[in-house]
Amino acid sequence: MIWLIARLRRDVSAWDRPTQAGFVLALGLLAIAVLLFFIAPQEQRQTILIGIGALIIVTQILVMWGNRTMVAPLTQAQRAFLRGDLEGAVALLEPMRASGEADARTLTLLGNAYRQLGRLDESAAILSEAVDNSPNHHYPLYGFGRTLIVQGNYADGVAFVKRALEAGAPPAVRFDIAEAYYRQGNIEDLVAVLSDVDVAGEEPRELLLSLWRWRYAGAPSPRRELLEGGIVFWEVQAERFAATPYGASVGNDVTYLKSLLNAWGNDGDEP
């Protein structure tokens, strides 16, 4: 909530004067209407409540109008990122940072794009800045933790992902904690968290999770279709981050997964 209020204050300062004046007036009238609601006779409260609703709608419209030029570049960058156009996302986000317009969300998206491009030092620097700007929001905390893990700094990466969970990150990020333990060779801690990890619908992560449960927790071996569908993602990761301990570890996984797939293909039985 504090993060949202701080962001709104920053956004309002960049609006045009008429919109600023209208927003302040609407907030003032809204405060008066709320006060009147509590002191007015019971029979008048319904009318006042309707007025409060109308004023809330007006303030929302003013916020959207005031942000009409500020939201667009970030929205475009988010769409570019989601469709895999990382260079396009970076091209939109870098000028925002250079001009001082980048908030924690913008910095985090830029840092995540840098990571996906393999520019890990830049990713870590930007995401560290995002965490400094918004230390209690899960979005930059998780992004920074993920970059640290990909750099091979597993212990610090786990610490930031855990902070992200405490700040409200989706439970699926527990996978990153499990992966960091695995990459460290910390199998005891990996096994301890396996039952808490749920990445349903994310085939590449489901593949590794299935592999770990099979090797270390007595579960069935990974399904053939999971091997075939998930291995390509990890091949790309191994190539992208080949210069890091993380990339080397993923490369070993890919080699092992391919051997499982080949063994399955040769005799038709589970490996």
C-alpha atoms as a PDB file:
ATOM      1  CA  MET A   1       0.000   0.000   0.000  1.00  0.00           C
ATOM      2  CA  ILE A   2       2.806   2.423   0.887  1.00  0.00           C
ATOM      3  CA  TRP A   3       4.483   1.564  -2.436  1.00  0.00           C
ATOM      4  CA  LEU A   4       1.257   2.370  -4.323  1.00  0.00           C
ATOM      5  CA  ILE A   5       0.799   5.691  -2.492  1.00  0.00           C
ATOM      6  CA  ALA A   6       4.413   6.701  -3.171  1.00  0.00           C
ATOM      7  CA  ARG A   7       4.020   5.792  -6.836  1.00  0.00           C
ATOM      8  CA  LEU A   8       0.766   7.769  -7.116  1.00  0.00           C
ATOM      9  CA  ARG A   9       2.407  10.835  -5.568  1.00  0.00           C
ATOM     10  CA  ARG A  10       5.255  10.568  -8.067  1.00  0.00           C
ATOM     11  CA  ASP A  11       2.855  10.135 -10.974  1.00  0.00           C
ATOM     12  CA  VAL A  12       0.658  13.097  -9.943  1.00  0.00           C
ATOM     13  CA  SER A  13       3.678  15.415  -9.907  1.00  0.00           C
ATOM     14  CA  ALA A  14       4.166  14.704 -13.627  1.00  0.00           C
ATOM     15  CA  TRP A  15       0.556  15.387 -14.672  1.00  0.00           C
ATOM     16  CA  ASP A  16      -0.594  18.572 -16.392  1.00  0.00           C
ATOM     17  CA  ARG A  17      -1.908  21.329 -14.099  1.00  0.00           C
ATOM     18  CA  PRO A  18      -5.649  21.005 -14.918  1.00  0.00           C
ATOM     19  CA  THR A  19      -5.581  17.268 -14.196  1.00  0.00           C
ATOM     20  CA  GLN A  20      -3.691  17.835 -10.944  1.00  0.00           C
ATOM     21  CA  ALA A  21      -6.239  20.455  -9.856  1.00  0.00           C
ATOM     22  CA  GLY A  22      -9.171  18.238 -10.752  1.00  0.00           C
ATOM     23  CA  PHE A  23      -7.685  15.297  -8.867  1.00  0.00           C
ATOM     24  CA  VAL A  24      -7.051  17.349  -5.718  1.00  0.00           C
ATOM     25  CA  LEU A  25     -10.577  18.785  -5.898  1.00  0.00           C
ATOM     26  CA  ALA A  26     -12.090  15.313  -6.337  1.00  0.00           C
ATOM     27  CA  LEU A  27     -10.135  13.980  -3.347  1.00  0.00           C
ATOM     28  CA  GLY A  28     -11.255  16.950  -1.253  1.00  0.00           C
ATOM     29  CA  LEU A  29     -14.902  16.450  -2.168  1.00  0.00           C
ATOM     30  CA  LEU A  30     -14.548  12.721  -1.524  1.00  0.00           C
ATOM     31  CA  ALA A  31     -13.184  13.375   1.978  1.00  0.00           C
ATOM     32  CA  ILE A  32     -16.054  15.777   2.715  1.00  0.00           C
ATOM     33  CA  ALA A  33     -18.616  13.287   1.398  1.00  0.00           C
ATOM     34  CA  VAL A  34     -17.216  10.499   3.597  1.00  0.00           C
ATOM     35  CA  LEU A  35     -17.372  12.787   6.624  1.00  0.00           C
ATOM     36  CA  LEU A  36     -20.961  13.765   5.817  1.00  0.00           C
ATOM     37  CA  PHE A  37     -21.930  10.123   5.488  1.00  0.00           C
ATOM     38  CA  PHE A  38     -21.039   9.494   9.125  1.00  0.00           C
ATOM     39  CA  ILE A  39     -22.687  12.615  10.550  1.00  0.00           C
ATOM     40  CA  ALA A  40     -25.793  12.854   8.344  1.00  0.00           C
ATOM     41  CA  PRO A  41     -29.179  11.480   9.371  1.00  0.00           C
ATOM     42  CA  GLN A  42     -29.841   7.873   8.368  1.00  0.00           C
ATOM     43  CA  GLU A  43     -32.393   8.810   5.674  1.00  0.00           C
ATOM     44  CA  GLN A  44     -29.782  10.962   3.817  1.00  0.00           C
ATOM     45  CA  ARG A  45     -26.947   8.442   3.801  1.00  0.00           C
ATOM     46  CA  GLN A  46     -28.089   6.567   0.700  1.00  0.00           C
ATOM     47  CA  THR A  47     -27.896   9.752  -1.373  1.00  0.00           C
ATOM     48  CA  ILE A  48     -24.463  10.602   0.050  1.00  0.00           C
ATOM     49  CA  LEU A  49     -23.251   7.053  -0.649  1.00  0.00           C
ATOM     50  CA  ILE A  50     -24.235   7.447  -4.313  1.00  0.00           C
ATOM     51  CA  GLY A  51     -22.218  10.676  -4.419  1.00  0.00           C
ATOM     52  CA  ILE A  52     -19.201   8.928  -2.879  1.00  0.00           C
ATOM     53  CA  GLY A  53     -19.367   6.258  -5.574  1.00  0.00           C
ATOM     54  CA  ALA A  54     -19.525   8.890  -8.299  1.00  0.00           C
ATOM     55  CA  LEU A  55     -16.512  10.727  -6.853  1.00  0.00           C
ATOM     56  CA  ILE A  56     -14.499   7.507  -6.712  1.00  0.00           C
ATOM     57  CA  ILE A  57     -15.229   6.919 -10.402  1.00  0.00           C
ATOM     58  CA  VAL A  58     -14.160  10.499 -11.186  1.00  0.00           C
ATOM     59  CA  THR A  59     -10.831  10.065  -9.352  1.00  0.00           C
ATOM     60  CA  GLN A  60     -10.166   6.814 -11.224  1.00  0.00           C
ATOM     61  CA  ILE A  61     -10.851   8.519 -14.547  1.00  0.00           C
ATOM     62  CA  LEU A  62      -8.505  11.368 -13.599  1.00  0.00           C
ATOM     63  CA  VAL A  63      -5.739   8.902 -12.670  1.00  0.00           C
ATOM     64  CA  MET A  64      -6.085   7.111 -16.005  1.00  0.00           C
ATOM     65  CA  TRP A  65      -6.134  10.411 -17.891  1.00  0.00           C
ATOM     66  CA  GLY A  66      -3.147  11.777 -15.990  1.00  0.00           C
ATOM     67  CA  ASN A  67      -1.133   8.613 -16.709  1.00  0.00           C
ATOM     68  CA  ARG A  68      -2.157   8.399 -20.368  1.00  0.00           C
ATOM     69  CA  THR A  69       1.335   9.225 -21.644  1.00  0.00           C
ATOM     70  CA  MET A  70       3.314   7.625 -18.819  1.00  0.00           C
ATOM     71  CA  VAL A  71       1.833   4.132 -18.899  1.00  0.00           C
ATOM     72  CA  ALA A  72       2.137   3.552 -22.635  1.00  0.00           C
ATOM     73  CA  PRO A  73       5.915   2.894 -22.908  1.00  0.00           C
ATOM     74  CA  LEU A  74       5.895   0.474 -19.977  1.00  0.00           C
ATOM     75  CA  THR A  75       2.853  -1.339 -21.351  1.00  0.00           C
ATOM     76  CA  GLN A  76       4.504  -1.610 -24.758  1.00  0.00           C
ATOM     77  CA  ALA A  77       7.671  -2.943 -23.134  1.00  0.00           C
ATOM     78  CA  GLN A  78       5.704  -5.537 -21.154  1.00  0.00           C
ATOM     79  CA  ARG A  79       4.005  -6.742 -24.317  1.00  0.00           C
ATOM     80  CA  ALA A  80       7.331  -6.924 -26.150  1.00  0.00           C
ATOM     81  CA  PHE A  81       8.866  -8.899 -23.271  1.00  0.00           C
ATOM     82  CA  LEU A  82       5.985 -11.388 -23.197  1.00  0.00           C
ATOM     83  CA  ARG A  83       6.201 -12.079 -26.913  1.00  0.00           C
ATOM     84  CA  GLY A  84       9.970 -12.630 -26.668  1.00  0.00           C
ATOM     85  CA  ASP A  85      11.100  -9.346 -28.224  1.00  0.00           C
ATOM     86  CA  LEU A  86      13.692  -8.634 -25.537  1.00  0.00           C
ATOM     87  CA  GLU A  87      15.676  -6.123 -27.567  1.00  0.00           C
ATOM     88  CA  GLY A  88      12.475  -4.215 -28.277  1.00  0.00           C
ATOM     89  CA  ALA A  89      11.612  -4.154 -24.578  1.00  0.00           C
ATOM     90  CA  VAL A  90      15.083  -2.877 -23.691  1.00  0.00           C
ATOM     91  CA  ALA A  91      14.858  -0.166 -26.361  1.00  0.00           C
ATOM     92  CA  LEU A  92      11.672   1.131 -24.721  1.00  0.00           C
ATOM     93  CA  LEU A  93      12.870   0.860 -21.127  1.00  0.00           C
ATOM     94  CA  GLU A  94      16.417   2.242 -21.310  1.00  0.00           C
ATOM     95  CA  PRO A  95      15.302   5.799 -22.247  1.00  0.00           C
ATOM     96  CA  MET A  96      12.865   5.786 -19.322  1.00  0.00           C
ATOM     97  CA  ARG A  97      15.678   4.955 -16.929  1.00  0.00           C
ATOM     98  CA  ALA A  98      18.023   7.486 -18.502  1.00  0.00           C
ATOM     99  CA  SER A  99      15.433  10.256 -18.092  1.00  0.00           C
ATOM    100  CA  GLY A 100      14.720   9.358 -14.460  1.00  0.00           C
ATOM    101  CA  GLU A 101      11.148   8.205 -15.226  1.00  0.00           C
ATOM    102  CA  ALA A 102      11.717   4.549 -14.292  1.00  0.00           C
ATOM    103  CA  ASP A 103       9.995   3.257 -11.155  1.00  0.00           C
ATOM    104  CA  ALA A 104      10.650  -0.134  -9.529  1.00  0.00           C
ATOM    105  CA  ARG A 105       8.398  -1.964 -12.021  1.00  0.00           C
ATOM    106  CA  THR A 106      10.197  -0.437 -14.988  1.00  0.00           C
ATOM    107  CA  LEU A 107      13.642  -1.180 -13.560  1.00  0.00           C
ATOM    108  CA  THR A 108      12.646  -4.753 -12.748  1.00  0.00           C
ATOM    109  CA  LEU A 109      11.365  -5.399 -16.254  1.00  0.00           C
ATOM    110  CA  LEU A 110      14.569  -3.940 -17.689  1.00  0.00           C
ATOM    111  CA  GLY A 111      16.707  -6.071 -15.366  1.00  0.00           C
ATOM    112  CA  ASN A 112      14.732  -9.190 -16.281  1.00  0.00           C
ATOM    113  CA  ALA A 113      15.153  -8.434 -19.989  1.00  0.00           C
ATOM    114  CA  TYR A 114      18.910  -8.001 -19.508  1.00  0.00           C
ATOM    115  CA  ARG A 115      19.029 -11.384 -17.765  1.00  0.00           C
ATOM    116  CA  GLN A 116      17.172 -13.090 -20.590  1.00  0.00           C
ATOM    117  CA  LEU A 117      19.640 -11.553 -23.025  1.00  0.00           C
ATOM    118  CA  GLY A 118      22.559 -12.928 -21.006  1.00  0.00           C
ATOM    119  CA  ARG A 119      23.676  -9.459 -19.839  1.00  0.00           C
ATOM    120  CA  LEU A 120      23.927 -10.584 -16.229  1.00  0.00           C
ATOM    121  CA  ASP A 121      26.099  -7.839 -14.725  1.00  0.00           C
ATOM    122  CA  GLU A 122      23.746  -5.176 -16.076  1.00  0.00           C
ATOM    123  CA  SER A 123      20.758  -7.205 -14.894  1.00  0.00           C
ATOM    124  CA  ALA A 124      22.122  -7.451 -11.354  1.00  0.00           C
ATOM    125  CA  ALA A 125      22.929  -3.722 -11.218  1.00  0.00           C
ATOM    126  CA  ILE A 126      19.477  -2.647 -12.443  1.00  0.00           C
ATOM    127  CA  LEU A 127      17.600  -5.107 -10.229  1.00  0.00           C
ATOM    128  CA  SER A 128      19.640  -4.055  -7.196  1.00  0.00           C
ATOM    129  CA  GLU A 129      18.535  -0.484  -7.927  1.00  0.00           C
ATOM    130  CA  ALA A 130      14.924  -1.676  -8.211  1.00  0.00           C
ATOM    131  CA  VAL A 131      15.155  -3.412  -4.824  1.00  0.00           C
ATOM    132  CA  ASP A 132      16.591  -0.230  -3.279  1.00  0.00           C
ATOM    133  CA  ASN A 133      13.646   1.724  -4.694  1.00  0.00           C
ATOM    134  CA  SER A 134      11.048  -0.788  -3.513  1.00  0.00           C
ATOM    135  CA  PRO A 135      12.585  -3.103  -0.888  1.00  0.00           C
ATOM    136  CA  ASN A 136       9.300  -4.673   0.224  1.00  0.00           C
ATOM    137  CA  HIS A 137       7.793  -5.530  -3.150  1.00  0.00           C
ATOM    138  CA  HIS A 138       8.108  -9.107  -4.401  1.00  0.00           C
ATOM    139  CA  TYR A 139       8.566  -8.209  -8.080  1.00  0.00           C
ATOM    140  CA  PRO A 140      12.095  -6.709  -7.863  1.00  0.00           C
ATOM    141  CA  LEU A 141      13.097  -9.033  -5.001  1.00  0.00           C
ATOM    142  CA  TYR A 142      12.364 -12.106  -7.087  1.00  0.00           C
ATOM    143  CA  GLY A 143      13.968 -10.659 -10.222  1.00  0.00           C
ATOM    144  CA  PHE A 144      17.189  -9.886  -8.355  1.00  0.00           C
ATOM    145  CA  GLY A 145      17.180 -13.307  -6.698  1.00  0.00           C
ATOM    146  CA  ARG A 146      16.741 -15.035 -10.054  1.00  0.00           C
ATOM    147  CA  THR A 147      19.638 -13.130 -11.608  1.00  0.00           C
ATOM    148  CA  LEU A 148      21.891 -13.987  -8.656  1.00  0.00           C
ATOM    149  CA  ILE A 149      21.039 -17.665  -9.084  1.00  0.00           C
ATOM    150  CA  VAL A 150      21.810 -17.545 -12.815  1.00  0.00           C
ATOM    151  CA  GLN A 151      25.150 -15.880 -11.999  1.00  0.00           C
ATOM    152  CA  GLY A 152      25.942 -18.844  -9.740  1.00  0.00           C
ATOM    153  CA  ASN A 153      25.504 -16.869  -6.508  1.00  0.00           C
ATOM    154  CA  TYR A 154      23.076 -19.423  -5.136  1.00  0.00           C
ATOM    155  CA  ALA A 155      23.061 -18.554  -1.433  1.00  0.00           C
ATOM    156  CA  ASP A 156      22.270 -14.864  -1.969  1.00  0.00           C
ATOM    157  CA  GLY A 157      19.797 -15.760  -4.697  1.00  0.00           C
ATOM    158  CA  VAL A 158      17.863 -18.012  -2.309  1.00  0.00           C
ATOM    159  CA  ALA A 159      17.829 -15.259   0.318  1.00  0.00           C
ATOM    160  CA  PHE A 160      16.199 -12.771  -2.081  1.00  0.00           C
ATOM    161  CA  VAL A 161      13.677 -15.284  -3.439  1.00  0.00           C
ATOM    162  CA  LYS A 162      12.665 -16.106   0.141  1.00  0.00           C
ATOM    163  CA  ARG A 163      12.206 -12.389   0.788  1.00  0.00           C
ATOM    164  CA  ALA A 164      10.041 -12.222  -2.331  1.00  0.00           C
ATOM    165  CA  LEU A 165       7.869 -15.049  -0.992  1.00  0.00           C
ATOM    166  CA  GLU A 166       7.462 -13.239   2.312  1.00  0.00           C
ATOM    167  CA  ALA A 167       6.465 -10.110   0.377  1.00  0.00           C
ATOM    168  CA  GLY A 168       3.722 -11.938  -1.526  1.00  0.00           C
ATOM    169  CA  ALA A 169       5.379 -13.582  -4.550  1.00  0.00           C
ATOM    170  CA  PRO A 170       3.444 -16.488  -6.140  1.00  0.00           C
ATOM    171  CA  PRO A 171       4.187 -19.890  -4.528  1.00  0.00           C
ATOM    172  CA  ALA A 172       5.654 -21.146  -7.830  1.00  0.00           C
ATOM    173  CA  VAL A 173       8.887 -19.223  -7.104  1.00  0.00           C
ATOM    174  CA  ARG A 174       9.717 -21.953  -4.585  1.00  0.00           C
ATOM    175  CA  PHE A 175      11.019 -23.773  -7.658  1.00  0.00           C
ATOM    176  CA  ASP A 176      13.891 -21.281  -7.820  1.00  0.00           C
ATOM    177  CA  ILE A 177      14.820 -22.047  -4.225  1.00  0.00           C
ATOM    178  CA  ALA A 178      14.782 -25.772  -4.973  1.00  0.00           C
ATOM    179  CA  GLU A 179      16.835 -25.257  -8.118  1.00  0.00           C
ATOM    180  CA  ALA A 180      19.450 -23.222  -6.255  1.00  0.00           C
ATOM    181  CA  TYR A 181      19.797 -25.988  -3.639  1.00  0.00           C
ATOM    182  CA  TYR A 182      20.181 -28.531  -6.440  1.00  0.00           C
ATOM    183  CA  ARG A 183      22.797 -26.469  -8.274  1.00  0.00           C
ATOM    184  CA  GLN A 184      24.724 -26.110  -4.989  1.00  0.00           C
ATOM    185  CA  GLY A 185      24.653 -29.858  -4.456  1.00  0.00           C
ATOM    186  CA  ASN A 186      22.596 -29.260  -1.310  1.00  0.00           C
ATOM    187  CA  ILE A 187      20.408 -32.327  -1.769  1.00  0.00           C
ATOM    188  CA  GLU A 188      19.198 -32.459   1.827  1.00  0.00           C
ATOM    189  CA  ASP A 189      17.592 -29.020   1.597  1.00  0.00           C
ATOM    190  CA  LEU A 190      16.337 -29.786  -1.913  1.00  0.00           C
ATOM    191  CA  VAL A 191      14.464 -32.878  -0.716  1.00  0.00           C
ATOM    192  CA  ALA A 192      13.046 -30.909   2.225  1.00  0.00           C
ATOM    193  CA  VAL A 193      11.315 -28.391  -0.082  1.00  0.00           C
ATOM    194  CA  LEU A 194      10.256 -30.674  -2.951  1.00  0.00           C
ATOM    195  CA  SER A 195       6.789 -31.301  -1.553  1.00  0.00           C
ATOM    196  CA  ASP A 196       6.130 -27.545  -1.408  1.00  0.00           C
ATOM    197  CA  VAL A 197       6.972 -26.874  -5.061  1.00  0.00           C
ATOM    198  CA  ASP A 198       4.114 -26.694  -7.565  1.00  0.00           C
ATOM    199  CA  VAL A 199       4.790 -25.556 -11.136  1.00  0.00           C
ATOM    200  CA  ALA A 200       1.804 -27.116 -12.872  1.00  0.00           C
ATOM    201  CA  GLY A 201       1.537 -25.962 -16.467  1.00  0.00           C
ATOM    202  CA  GLU A 202       5.203 -24.922 -16.753  1.00  0.00           C
ATOM    203  CA  GLU A 203       6.570 -27.877 -18.694  1.00  0.00           C
ATOM    204  CA  PRO A 204      10.325 -27.142 -18.460  1.00  0.00           C
ATOM    205  CA  ARG A 205      10.133 -26.660 -14.694  1.00  0.00           C
ATOM    206  CA  GLU A 206       7.853 -29.670 -14.326  1.00  0.00           C
ATOM    207  CA  LEU A 207      10.570 -31.701 -16.066  1.00  0.00           C
ATOM    208  CA  LEU A 208      13.295 -30.795 -13.572  1.00  0.00           C
ATOM    209  CA  LEU A 209      10.933 -31.170 -10.632  1.00  0.00           C
ATOM    210  CA  SER A 210       9.993 -34.652 -11.881  1.00  0.00           C
ATOM    211  CA  LEU A 211      13.675 -35.484 -12.310  1.00  0.00           C
ATOM    212  CA  TRP A 212      14.536 -34.431  -8.752  1.00  0.00           C
ATOM    213  CA  ARG A 213      11.625 -36.320  -7.232  1.00  0.00           C
ATOM    214  CA  TRP A 214      12.611 -39.438  -9.165  1.00  0.00           C
ATOM    215  CA  ARG A 215      16.312 -39.289  -8.265  1.00  0.00           C
ATOM    216  CA  TYR A 216      16.029 -38.166  -4.659  1.00  0.00           C
ATOM    217  CA  ALA A 217      12.501 -38.869  -3.382  1.00  0.00           C
ATOM    218  CA  GLY A 218      11.503 -42.218  -4.863  1.00  0.00           C
ATOM    219  CA  ALA A 219       8.914 -40.882  -7.323  1.00  0.00           C
ATOM    220  CA  PRO A 220       8.333 -42.358 -10.825  1.00  0.00           C
ATOM    221  CA  SER A 221      10.725 -41.326 -13.595  1.00  0.00           C
ATOM    222  CA  PRO A 222       9.886 -38.308 -15.806  1.00  0.00           C
ATOM    223  CA  ARG A 223       7.282 -39.059 -18.472  1.00  0.00           C
ATOM    224  CA  ARG A 224       8.587 -39.324 -22.006  1.00  0.00           C
ATOM    225  CA  GLU A 225       6.365 -36.501 -23.278  1.00  0.00           C
ATOM    226  CA  LEU A 226       7.667 -34.289 -20.457  1.00  0.00           C
ATOM    227  CA  LEU A 227      11.241 -35.048 -21.472  1.00  0.00           C
ATOM    228  CA  GLU A 228      10.519 -34.276 -25.105  1.00  0.00           C
ATOM    229  CA  GLY A 229       8.581 -31.106 -24.375  1.00  0.00           C
ATOM    230  CA  GLY A 230      10.767 -29.621 -21.644  1.00  0.00           C
ATOM    231  CA  ILE A 231      14.329 -30.304 -22.714  1.00  0.00           C
ATOM    232  CA  VAL A 232      14.489 -27.612 -25.416  1.00  0.00           C
ATOM    233  CA  PHE A 233      14.056 -24.805 -22.881  1.00  0.00           C
ATOM    234  CA  TRP A 234      16.981 -26.069 -20.809  1.00  0.00           C
ATOM    235  CA  GLU A 235      19.156 -26.413 -23.914  1.00  0.00           C
ATOM    236  CA  VAL A 236      18.593 -22.700 -24.593  1.00  0.00           C
ATOM    237  CA  GLN A 237      19.369 -21.825 -20.960  1.00  0.00           C
ATOM    238  CA  ALA A 238      22.587 -23.834 -21.022  1.00  0.00           C
ATOM    239  CA  GLU A 239      23.745 -22.044 -24.157  1.00  0.00           C
ATOM    240  CA  ARG A 240      22.688 -18.572 -22.988  1.00  0.00           C
ATOM    241  CA  PHE A 241      24.461 -18.826 -19.632  1.00  0.00           C
ATOM    242  CA  ALA A 242      27.321 -21.097 -20.662  1.00  0.00           C
ATOM    243  CA  ALA A 243      29.923 -18.780 -19.102  1.00  0.00           C
ATOM    244  CA  THR A 244      28.467 -19.149 -15.609  1.00  0.00           C
ATOM    245  CA  PRO A 245      28.497 -22.057 -13.106  1.00  0.00           C
ATOM    246  CA  TYR A 246      24.729 -22.136 -13.509  1.00  0.00           C
ATOM    247  CA  GLY A 247      24.965 -22.583 -17.278  1.00  0.00           C
ATOM    248  CA  ALA A 248      27.504 -25.380 -16.876  1.00  0.00           C
ATOM    249  CA  SER A 249      25.220 -27.150 -14.413  1.00  0.00           C
ATOM    250  CA  VAL A 250      22.226 -26.829 -16.733  1.00  0.00           C
ATOM    251  CA  GLY A 251      24.367 -28.181 -19.563  1.00  0.00           C
ATOM    252  CA  ASN A 252      25.100 -31.283 -17.480  1.00  0.00           C
ATOM    253  CA  ASP A 253      21.373 -31.703 -16.902  1.00  0.00           C
ATOM    254  CA  VAL A 254      20.672 -31.472 -20.628  1.00  0.00           C
ATOM    255  CA  THR A 255      23.240 -34.169 -21.371  1.00  0.00           C
ATOM    256  CA  TYR A 256      21.713 -36.431 -18.739  1.00  0.00           C
ATOM    257  CA  LEU A 257      18.140 -35.784 -19.888  1.00  0.00           C
ATOM    258  CA  LYS A 258      19.105 -36.590 -23.477  1.00  0.00           C
ATOM    259  CA  SER A 259      20.628 -39.869 -22.311  1.00  0.00           C
ATOM    260  CA  LEU A 260      17.353 -40.723 -20.567  1.00  0.00           C
ATOM    261  CA  LEU A 261      15.396 -39.896 -23.697  1.00  0.00           C
ATOM    262  CA  ASN A 262      17.729 -41.992 -25.855  1.00  0.00           C
ATOM    263  CA  ALA A 263      17.520 -44.929 -23.452  1.00  0.00           C
ATOM    264  CA  TRP A 264      13.734 -44.714 -23.499  1.00  0.00           C
ATOM    265  CA  GLY A 265      13.700 -44.578 -27.274  1.00  0.00           C
ATOM    266  CA  ASN A 266      15.980 -47.619 -27.681  1.00  0.00           C
ATOM    267  CA  ASP A 267      14.001 -50.171 -25.675  1.00  0.00           C
ATOM    268  CA  GLY A 268      10.605 -48.538 -25.199  1.00  0.00           C
ATOM    269  CA  ASP A 269      10.730 -48.972 -21.433  1.00  0.00           C
ATOM    270  CA  GLU A 270      11.146 -46.361 -18.749  1.00  0.00           C
ATOM    271  CA  PRO A 271      14.797 -45.442 -18.138  1.00  0.00           C
END
